C-alpha cells in the first residue's frame, strides 16, 4: 500500500446505503482518498433492524473504500441518526465561590457540565455538548468568560443526545468487524461540517439533509449551532406513497420517482402526459398519468420540508445565508423551488467544501454525511485512552 499520512475514516450507516469516506490529514484540511458504498439492507428510518446484515454491508463498503484509497482501515468515526436524536439548548448556572473572583477554566467547565446534565432522559446519552455563549452576572452574550470578574456564571450550550441502546447497537455492529469506533457524531452535524463555509455559519444558515429514511437539520447563527434534529421521514416514504397511490410495486415506484418524479406539480403543458411502464413477469404493461405521480411526490416533499420549517420556527430569521440542501433528496427535480417557497429564503444545493479529492464524488450531495464524518474525525484526533463504547457514551453503561 502507498505510504500515507494520518488517515481518518467517516462511516455512515444509512437507510439506503452504507458509505465509507477515507481522508488524509493535510496542512490546510483533509483530502479525500477514496469512498466505498454498499446497499443497506438492515436499516429502517435510520435505525438498525438487522445487525448481522448491517455488519455485512459495512464490510463490503469498507473493502471498496480500502481498494480505492489503497489503505487499510482500522477505525472509523461513526454517524448516528434517527428520530430518537434530539438537540436542545440548555442553561447551566455556576456560582463563583467568592464574589469578585476571577473566572477560571474550571468555573467554565463546571457551568457547561451543569447545563449538559439538564433535560436528558435517563436512557439517553449525550453525543455533543456545543457551547453557544455565557452570561457573567447581568452581562450577556459573552464568548469566553475566562479572566472576567463576576459572582455568577451562566453557560448556554446546545446538547445533542440520543437513546443509548440504539447508539450502542451501531457501535457494536462496527466493532464486530474488528474495527475501532473512535467516536460517534450526529449525521446532521456531519453534513453541515461538509457543506458549510465559516462565512455561512457566521451569517446564519439552515442545513437540511434529505435522506432515504431520515431528514435531519442543523441551524447555525453567529458561527455556533443554534438547533438541530431529525425526523423519521425521507425518500423511501415518497416511494411508498407512489406505490400505494398508483398501485404498483415498490421497485417500479422507485424507478418512476427517479426517472419522472419531481417536487413540483405537473405544469399545464404536462397535464395530459402519460408515462409508460413496460410489461414485466406477472405485471402487465400500463400507463401512468404524470400529473398524478407528481401530485403524490410533491405532497410528501412539501410535508417533509414543512416539518423542518415548523421545528426551526422563528429562528429562521437568523438565516441570512439561506438554506442549504444535501442528501440524496437534494437531487429531486424542482426541490429548490419548493424549499424557497416554504422557507421564504434563498435555497441552494450544497456540495462539499474545503476538501480536496475527486470532483465526481465531492459534487454529489448524497456523500456529504460520510465526508463530514471524516472531517469531524480530523477535528478530533483519536485518543487511544478514550476508545470503546463506555467512553463514547459518556460512561452511561457504567
Foldseek 3Di string as FASTA:
>chain_A
DDDAADKAKFWEQAPFKTKIWIWGQDPQAIATQFMFMFGHDQDALQFGRDLVSSLVRNVRRQVRRCVRNVHHAAAHAYAGAHQQKFKDKFKFKDFDPDAFDFDAPVSVVNRQVRRQPPPDDLQKFWQDKWWDAKAAPNRPDHRDRGRPTGGMIMTIIMTIMGGLVRVVSVQVSNCVVNHFHLAYDHLQVLLCLFFDDQVQLAQKEKEWEAECQKIKIWIHYNSTTDTIGMDRDHNVVLLVLQCVQVVHDSVVSVVCCVPQEALAADDPVLQAPWDWDPDDVVRHIDIDRSRSSHVSNNVRLLVVLLVVCVVCDPVLVSRPVYYEYAAPVVPGHPSQVSNCVNSVTHYDYTFGPPYHYDPVVRRHRNCSSRVSSSSVCVVPPGDVVQIDSCNNRPNSVD
